[in-house]
N, C-alpha and C. Protein backbone atom coordinates (compact mmCIF):
# COMPACT_ATOMS: atom_id res chain seq x y z
N MET A 1 -23.85 -126.36 -57.70
CA MET A 1 -24.17 -124.96 -57.66
C MET A 1 -25.38 -124.74 -56.76
N ILE A 2 -25.26 -123.76 -55.88
CA ILE A 2 -26.35 -123.41 -54.98
C ILE A 2 -27.45 -122.71 -55.77
N ARG A 3 -28.69 -123.12 -55.51
CA ARG A 3 -29.86 -122.51 -56.16
C ARG A 3 -30.80 -122.05 -55.05
N PHE A 4 -31.21 -120.79 -55.13
CA PHE A 4 -32.07 -120.21 -54.10
C PHE A 4 -33.47 -119.93 -54.64
N LEU A 5 -34.44 -120.00 -53.72
CA LEU A 5 -35.78 -119.48 -53.94
C LEU A 5 -35.99 -118.44 -52.85
N ALA A 6 -36.24 -117.19 -53.23
CA ALA A 6 -36.47 -116.13 -52.26
C ALA A 6 -37.96 -116.02 -51.97
N ASP A 7 -38.32 -116.20 -50.71
CA ASP A 7 -39.71 -116.06 -50.27
C ASP A 7 -40.21 -114.67 -50.68
N GLU A 8 -41.51 -114.55 -50.85
CA GLU A 8 -42.04 -113.29 -51.39
C GLU A 8 -41.78 -112.09 -50.50
N ASN A 9 -41.51 -112.30 -49.22
CA ASN A 9 -41.22 -111.18 -48.33
C ASN A 9 -39.72 -110.93 -48.17
N PHE A 10 -38.89 -111.68 -48.87
CA PHE A 10 -37.44 -111.55 -48.68
C PHE A 10 -36.94 -110.23 -49.27
N ASN A 11 -36.10 -109.55 -48.53
CA ASN A 11 -35.62 -108.21 -48.87
C ASN A 11 -34.91 -108.18 -50.23
N GLY A 12 -35.46 -107.44 -51.16
CA GLY A 12 -34.89 -107.32 -52.50
C GLY A 12 -33.51 -106.69 -52.50
N LYS A 13 -33.21 -105.83 -51.52
CA LYS A 13 -31.88 -105.22 -51.46
C LYS A 13 -30.81 -106.28 -51.19
N ILE A 14 -31.17 -107.28 -50.40
CA ILE A 14 -30.23 -108.38 -50.14
C ILE A 14 -30.00 -109.16 -51.43
N LEU A 15 -31.07 -109.47 -52.13
CA LEU A 15 -30.94 -110.23 -53.38
C LEU A 15 -30.08 -109.46 -54.39
N ARG A 16 -30.35 -108.16 -54.52
CA ARG A 16 -29.56 -107.35 -55.46
C ARG A 16 -28.11 -107.28 -55.04
N GLY A 17 -27.84 -107.20 -53.74
CA GLY A 17 -26.46 -107.17 -53.25
C GLY A 17 -25.71 -108.45 -53.56
N VAL A 18 -26.39 -109.59 -53.38
CA VAL A 18 -25.77 -110.88 -53.71
C VAL A 18 -25.50 -110.95 -55.22
N GLN A 19 -26.47 -110.56 -56.01
CA GLN A 19 -26.31 -110.66 -57.47
C GLN A 19 -25.30 -109.64 -58.00
N ARG A 20 -25.14 -108.53 -57.30
CA ARG A 20 -24.12 -107.56 -57.71
C ARG A 20 -22.72 -108.18 -57.54
N GLU A 21 -22.53 -108.89 -56.43
CA GLU A 21 -21.23 -109.52 -56.15
C GLU A 21 -21.01 -110.81 -56.95
N ARG A 22 -22.09 -111.56 -57.17
CA ARG A 22 -22.03 -112.84 -57.89
C ARG A 22 -23.16 -112.86 -58.92
N PRO A 23 -22.93 -112.21 -60.08
CA PRO A 23 -24.00 -112.10 -61.09
C PRO A 23 -24.56 -113.44 -61.57
N ASP A 24 -23.80 -114.50 -61.43
CA ASP A 24 -24.25 -115.81 -61.90
C ASP A 24 -25.07 -116.57 -60.87
N THR A 25 -25.37 -115.94 -59.72
CA THR A 25 -26.14 -116.60 -58.68
C THR A 25 -27.54 -116.93 -59.19
N ASP A 26 -27.96 -118.16 -58.94
CA ASP A 26 -29.27 -118.64 -59.38
C ASP A 26 -30.30 -118.38 -58.28
N ILE A 27 -31.01 -117.26 -58.41
CA ILE A 27 -32.05 -116.90 -57.44
C ILE A 27 -33.36 -116.68 -58.20
N VAL A 28 -34.40 -117.37 -57.75
CA VAL A 28 -35.74 -117.16 -58.28
C VAL A 28 -36.57 -116.58 -57.14
N ARG A 29 -37.34 -115.55 -57.43
CA ARG A 29 -38.24 -114.96 -56.43
C ARG A 29 -39.61 -115.62 -56.54
N VAL A 30 -40.22 -115.91 -55.39
CA VAL A 30 -41.55 -116.52 -55.38
C VAL A 30 -42.52 -115.72 -56.23
N GLN A 31 -42.45 -114.39 -56.17
CA GLN A 31 -43.40 -113.57 -56.92
C GLN A 31 -43.23 -113.68 -58.43
N ASP A 32 -42.16 -114.31 -58.88
CA ASP A 32 -41.95 -114.52 -60.31
C ASP A 32 -42.35 -115.92 -60.76
N THR A 33 -43.07 -116.63 -59.89
CA THR A 33 -43.46 -118.01 -60.19
C THR A 33 -44.97 -118.16 -60.07
N LEU A 34 -45.46 -119.34 -60.40
CA LEU A 34 -46.89 -119.64 -60.26
C LEU A 34 -47.31 -119.83 -58.81
N ILE A 35 -46.35 -119.92 -57.90
CA ILE A 35 -46.69 -120.13 -56.48
C ILE A 35 -46.77 -118.81 -55.71
N TYR A 36 -46.77 -117.70 -56.41
CA TYR A 36 -46.89 -116.40 -55.75
C TYR A 36 -48.16 -116.37 -54.90
N GLN A 37 -48.02 -115.97 -53.66
CA GLN A 37 -49.10 -115.89 -52.68
C GLN A 37 -49.62 -117.26 -52.23
N ALA A 38 -48.89 -118.32 -52.53
CA ALA A 38 -49.29 -119.66 -52.09
C ALA A 38 -48.95 -119.83 -50.61
N PRO A 39 -49.64 -120.72 -49.91
CA PRO A 39 -49.32 -121.01 -48.51
C PRO A 39 -47.90 -121.59 -48.39
N ASP A 40 -47.32 -121.41 -47.21
CA ASP A 40 -45.94 -121.86 -46.98
C ASP A 40 -45.69 -123.32 -47.35
N PRO A 41 -46.57 -124.25 -47.01
CA PRO A 41 -46.29 -125.64 -47.38
C PRO A 41 -46.15 -125.83 -48.90
N GLU A 42 -46.92 -125.08 -49.68
CA GLU A 42 -46.80 -125.18 -51.14
C GLU A 42 -45.49 -124.57 -51.63
N VAL A 43 -45.05 -123.50 -50.98
CA VAL A 43 -43.76 -122.88 -51.34
C VAL A 43 -42.63 -123.87 -51.06
N LEU A 44 -42.68 -124.53 -49.92
CA LEU A 44 -41.64 -125.52 -49.60
C LEU A 44 -41.68 -126.71 -50.54
N GLU A 45 -42.87 -127.14 -50.92
CA GLU A 45 -43.01 -128.25 -51.88
C GLU A 45 -42.40 -127.85 -53.22
N TRP A 46 -42.69 -126.64 -53.69
CA TRP A 46 -42.16 -126.16 -54.96
C TRP A 46 -40.64 -126.08 -54.89
N ALA A 47 -40.11 -125.56 -53.78
CA ALA A 47 -38.66 -125.47 -53.59
C ALA A 47 -38.03 -126.87 -53.67
N ALA A 48 -38.69 -127.84 -53.06
CA ALA A 48 -38.17 -129.22 -53.09
C ALA A 48 -38.20 -129.78 -54.50
N GLN A 49 -39.30 -129.56 -55.21
CA GLN A 49 -39.41 -130.07 -56.58
C GLN A 49 -38.37 -129.43 -57.51
N GLU A 50 -38.08 -128.15 -57.26
CA GLU A 50 -37.14 -127.42 -58.11
C GLU A 50 -35.69 -127.50 -57.61
N GLY A 51 -35.49 -128.11 -56.45
CA GLY A 51 -34.14 -128.22 -55.89
C GLY A 51 -33.55 -126.87 -55.53
N ARG A 52 -34.31 -126.10 -54.74
CA ARG A 52 -33.88 -124.75 -54.36
C ARG A 52 -33.96 -124.57 -52.84
N ILE A 53 -32.95 -123.93 -52.29
CA ILE A 53 -32.93 -123.57 -50.88
C ILE A 53 -33.79 -122.33 -50.71
N LEU A 54 -34.71 -122.36 -49.77
CA LEU A 54 -35.59 -121.23 -49.54
C LEU A 54 -34.92 -120.20 -48.64
N LEU A 55 -34.92 -118.95 -49.09
CA LEU A 55 -34.47 -117.82 -48.28
C LEU A 55 -35.71 -117.14 -47.74
N SER A 56 -35.76 -116.90 -46.44
CA SER A 56 -36.97 -116.33 -45.85
C SER A 56 -36.63 -115.46 -44.64
N HIS A 57 -37.53 -114.54 -44.36
CA HIS A 57 -37.49 -113.78 -43.11
C HIS A 57 -38.54 -114.32 -42.14
N ASP A 58 -39.34 -115.28 -42.58
CA ASP A 58 -40.52 -115.75 -41.86
C ASP A 58 -40.17 -116.81 -40.82
N ILE A 59 -39.75 -116.36 -39.66
CA ILE A 59 -39.41 -117.28 -38.58
C ILE A 59 -40.68 -117.89 -37.97
N ALA A 60 -41.75 -117.13 -37.95
CA ALA A 60 -42.98 -117.53 -37.26
C ALA A 60 -43.60 -118.81 -37.82
N THR A 61 -43.62 -118.98 -39.15
CA THR A 61 -44.32 -120.15 -39.69
C THR A 61 -43.45 -121.06 -40.55
N ILE A 62 -42.56 -120.51 -41.36
CA ILE A 62 -41.83 -121.33 -42.32
C ILE A 62 -40.96 -122.38 -41.63
N VAL A 63 -40.40 -122.03 -40.48
CA VAL A 63 -39.53 -122.96 -39.75
C VAL A 63 -40.33 -124.20 -39.32
N GLY A 64 -41.52 -123.99 -38.82
CA GLY A 64 -42.36 -125.12 -38.40
C GLY A 64 -42.73 -126.02 -39.56
N TYR A 65 -43.12 -125.42 -40.68
CA TYR A 65 -43.47 -126.22 -41.85
C TYR A 65 -42.26 -126.97 -42.40
N ALA A 66 -41.09 -126.34 -42.38
CA ALA A 66 -39.87 -127.01 -42.85
C ALA A 66 -39.55 -128.20 -41.95
N ASN A 67 -39.62 -128.00 -40.65
CA ASN A 67 -39.34 -129.10 -39.72
C ASN A 67 -40.37 -130.21 -39.86
N GLU A 68 -41.60 -129.86 -40.17
CA GLU A 68 -42.65 -130.87 -40.40
C GLU A 68 -42.29 -131.72 -41.62
N ARG A 69 -41.81 -131.09 -42.70
CA ARG A 69 -41.40 -131.83 -43.90
C ARG A 69 -40.28 -132.81 -43.56
N ILE A 70 -39.32 -132.33 -42.77
CA ILE A 70 -38.20 -133.19 -42.38
C ILE A 70 -38.71 -134.38 -41.58
N ALA A 71 -39.58 -134.13 -40.60
CA ALA A 71 -40.11 -135.20 -39.74
C ALA A 71 -40.90 -136.23 -40.55
N LEU A 72 -41.58 -135.77 -41.61
CA LEU A 72 -42.37 -136.68 -42.45
C LEU A 72 -41.52 -137.40 -43.51
N GLY A 73 -40.23 -137.05 -43.58
CA GLY A 73 -39.35 -137.68 -44.56
C GLY A 73 -39.54 -137.15 -45.97
N LEU A 74 -40.17 -135.98 -46.08
CA LEU A 74 -40.35 -135.37 -47.40
C LEU A 74 -39.08 -134.64 -47.82
N PRO A 75 -38.82 -134.53 -49.11
CA PRO A 75 -37.62 -133.82 -49.54
C PRO A 75 -37.65 -132.37 -49.09
N MET A 76 -36.51 -131.89 -48.61
CA MET A 76 -36.42 -130.50 -48.13
C MET A 76 -34.99 -130.03 -48.38
N PRO A 77 -34.79 -129.27 -49.47
CA PRO A 77 -33.43 -128.86 -49.83
C PRO A 77 -32.84 -127.77 -48.94
N GLY A 78 -33.55 -127.35 -47.91
CA GLY A 78 -33.00 -126.41 -46.95
C GLY A 78 -33.75 -125.10 -46.91
N VAL A 79 -33.66 -124.48 -45.74
CA VAL A 79 -34.23 -123.16 -45.52
C VAL A 79 -33.18 -122.34 -44.80
N ILE A 80 -32.97 -121.13 -45.27
CA ILE A 80 -32.08 -120.19 -44.61
C ILE A 80 -32.95 -119.00 -44.18
N VAL A 81 -32.97 -118.77 -42.87
CA VAL A 81 -33.82 -117.72 -42.31
C VAL A 81 -32.94 -116.59 -41.80
N ALA A 82 -33.29 -115.38 -42.20
CA ALA A 82 -32.62 -114.17 -41.71
C ALA A 82 -33.68 -113.26 -41.14
N ARG A 83 -33.57 -112.93 -39.88
CA ARG A 83 -34.54 -111.99 -39.29
C ARG A 83 -34.56 -110.71 -40.13
N ALA A 84 -35.73 -110.18 -40.36
CA ALA A 84 -35.87 -108.97 -41.16
C ALA A 84 -35.15 -107.78 -40.51
N SER A 85 -34.92 -107.86 -39.21
CA SER A 85 -34.28 -106.75 -38.50
C SER A 85 -32.75 -106.76 -38.64
N LEU A 86 -32.18 -107.82 -39.21
CA LEU A 86 -30.72 -107.88 -39.36
C LEU A 86 -30.25 -106.84 -40.37
N PRO A 87 -29.06 -106.26 -40.16
CA PRO A 87 -28.51 -105.35 -41.16
C PRO A 87 -28.29 -106.09 -42.49
N ILE A 88 -28.51 -105.40 -43.57
CA ILE A 88 -28.45 -106.01 -44.90
C ILE A 88 -27.04 -106.51 -45.25
N GLY A 89 -26.02 -105.71 -44.96
CA GLY A 89 -24.65 -106.06 -45.34
C GLY A 89 -24.20 -107.41 -44.82
N PRO A 90 -24.33 -107.69 -43.53
CA PRO A 90 -23.92 -108.99 -43.02
C PRO A 90 -24.72 -110.16 -43.61
N VAL A 91 -25.99 -109.95 -43.91
CA VAL A 91 -26.78 -111.03 -44.54
C VAL A 91 -26.22 -111.32 -45.93
N ILE A 92 -25.91 -110.27 -46.69
CA ILE A 92 -25.31 -110.46 -48.02
C ILE A 92 -23.99 -111.22 -47.88
N GLU A 93 -23.16 -110.81 -46.93
CA GLU A 93 -21.86 -111.48 -46.73
C GLU A 93 -22.05 -112.95 -46.37
N ASP A 94 -23.02 -113.26 -45.50
CA ASP A 94 -23.27 -114.66 -45.14
C ASP A 94 -23.73 -115.46 -46.35
N LEU A 95 -24.59 -114.89 -47.17
CA LEU A 95 -25.06 -115.62 -48.36
C LEU A 95 -23.92 -115.82 -49.35
N LEU A 96 -23.03 -114.86 -49.47
CA LEU A 96 -21.86 -115.03 -50.35
C LEU A 96 -20.95 -116.13 -49.81
N THR A 97 -20.79 -116.18 -48.50
CA THR A 97 -19.99 -117.26 -47.89
C THR A 97 -20.62 -118.61 -48.18
N ILE A 98 -21.94 -118.70 -48.05
CA ILE A 98 -22.65 -119.95 -48.35
C ILE A 98 -22.41 -120.35 -49.80
N LEU A 99 -22.49 -119.39 -50.71
CA LEU A 99 -22.26 -119.69 -52.12
C LEU A 99 -20.84 -120.19 -52.37
N ASP A 100 -19.87 -119.61 -51.67
CA ASP A 100 -18.47 -119.96 -51.88
C ASP A 100 -18.05 -121.24 -51.18
N ALA A 101 -18.70 -121.56 -50.06
CA ALA A 101 -18.16 -122.61 -49.19
C ALA A 101 -19.06 -123.83 -49.02
N SER A 102 -20.11 -123.94 -49.80
CA SER A 102 -20.99 -125.09 -49.61
C SER A 102 -21.57 -125.56 -50.94
N GLU A 103 -22.20 -126.71 -50.86
CA GLU A 103 -22.89 -127.31 -52.01
C GLU A 103 -24.34 -127.53 -51.63
N MET A 104 -25.19 -127.73 -52.62
CA MET A 104 -26.61 -127.95 -52.36
C MET A 104 -26.84 -129.05 -51.33
N SER A 105 -26.13 -130.16 -51.47
CA SER A 105 -26.35 -131.30 -50.58
C SER A 105 -26.04 -130.99 -49.12
N ASP A 106 -25.21 -129.98 -48.87
CA ASP A 106 -24.90 -129.59 -47.49
C ASP A 106 -26.13 -129.05 -46.77
N TRP A 107 -27.13 -128.62 -47.51
CA TRP A 107 -28.31 -127.96 -46.94
C TRP A 107 -29.53 -128.87 -46.85
N ASP A 108 -29.43 -130.10 -47.37
CA ASP A 108 -30.56 -131.02 -47.32
C ASP A 108 -31.06 -131.18 -45.88
N ASN A 109 -32.37 -131.02 -45.70
CA ASN A 109 -33.04 -131.21 -44.42
C ASN A 109 -32.48 -130.32 -43.31
N LEU A 110 -32.03 -129.13 -43.68
CA LEU A 110 -31.44 -128.23 -42.72
C LEU A 110 -32.21 -126.91 -42.69
N VAL A 111 -32.49 -126.43 -41.49
CA VAL A 111 -33.02 -125.09 -41.29
C VAL A 111 -31.93 -124.32 -40.57
N ALA A 112 -31.42 -123.28 -41.23
CA ALA A 112 -30.32 -122.50 -40.67
C ALA A 112 -30.75 -121.05 -40.48
N PHE A 113 -30.14 -120.42 -39.51
CA PHE A 113 -30.45 -119.04 -39.19
C PHE A 113 -29.22 -118.18 -39.38
N LEU A 114 -29.43 -117.01 -40.00
CA LEU A 114 -28.34 -116.04 -40.13
C LEU A 114 -28.44 -115.08 -38.95
N PRO A 115 -27.32 -114.55 -38.46
CA PRO A 115 -25.98 -114.71 -39.01
C PRO A 115 -25.42 -116.10 -38.74
N LEU A 116 -24.47 -116.48 -39.61
CA LEU A 116 -23.82 -117.79 -39.49
C LEU A 116 -23.08 -117.91 -38.16
């Protein structure tokens, strides 16, 4: 089962759209955890410890930190980046496709960009 961690800046409308279509989707928001407002490396570490793929709009910094974790051989269950300027509907559809067509292990050490 795919498990997501939504970065604190991730669009709530997207999360609600995914959960409306798949109510059983396991999504935790950073702001609902003890790592709220933590630096990106700590968010990625928490995602790795909890076995969650990070959803983010933060292309500027999160991608670099994720690639750094991969280069250092640290666990990295994946990052899915969607530009904040993308229309909400297609992002929801891509996340639903990911839920339907992949497993957690498919995302290990992967930084992916939406649209698919």
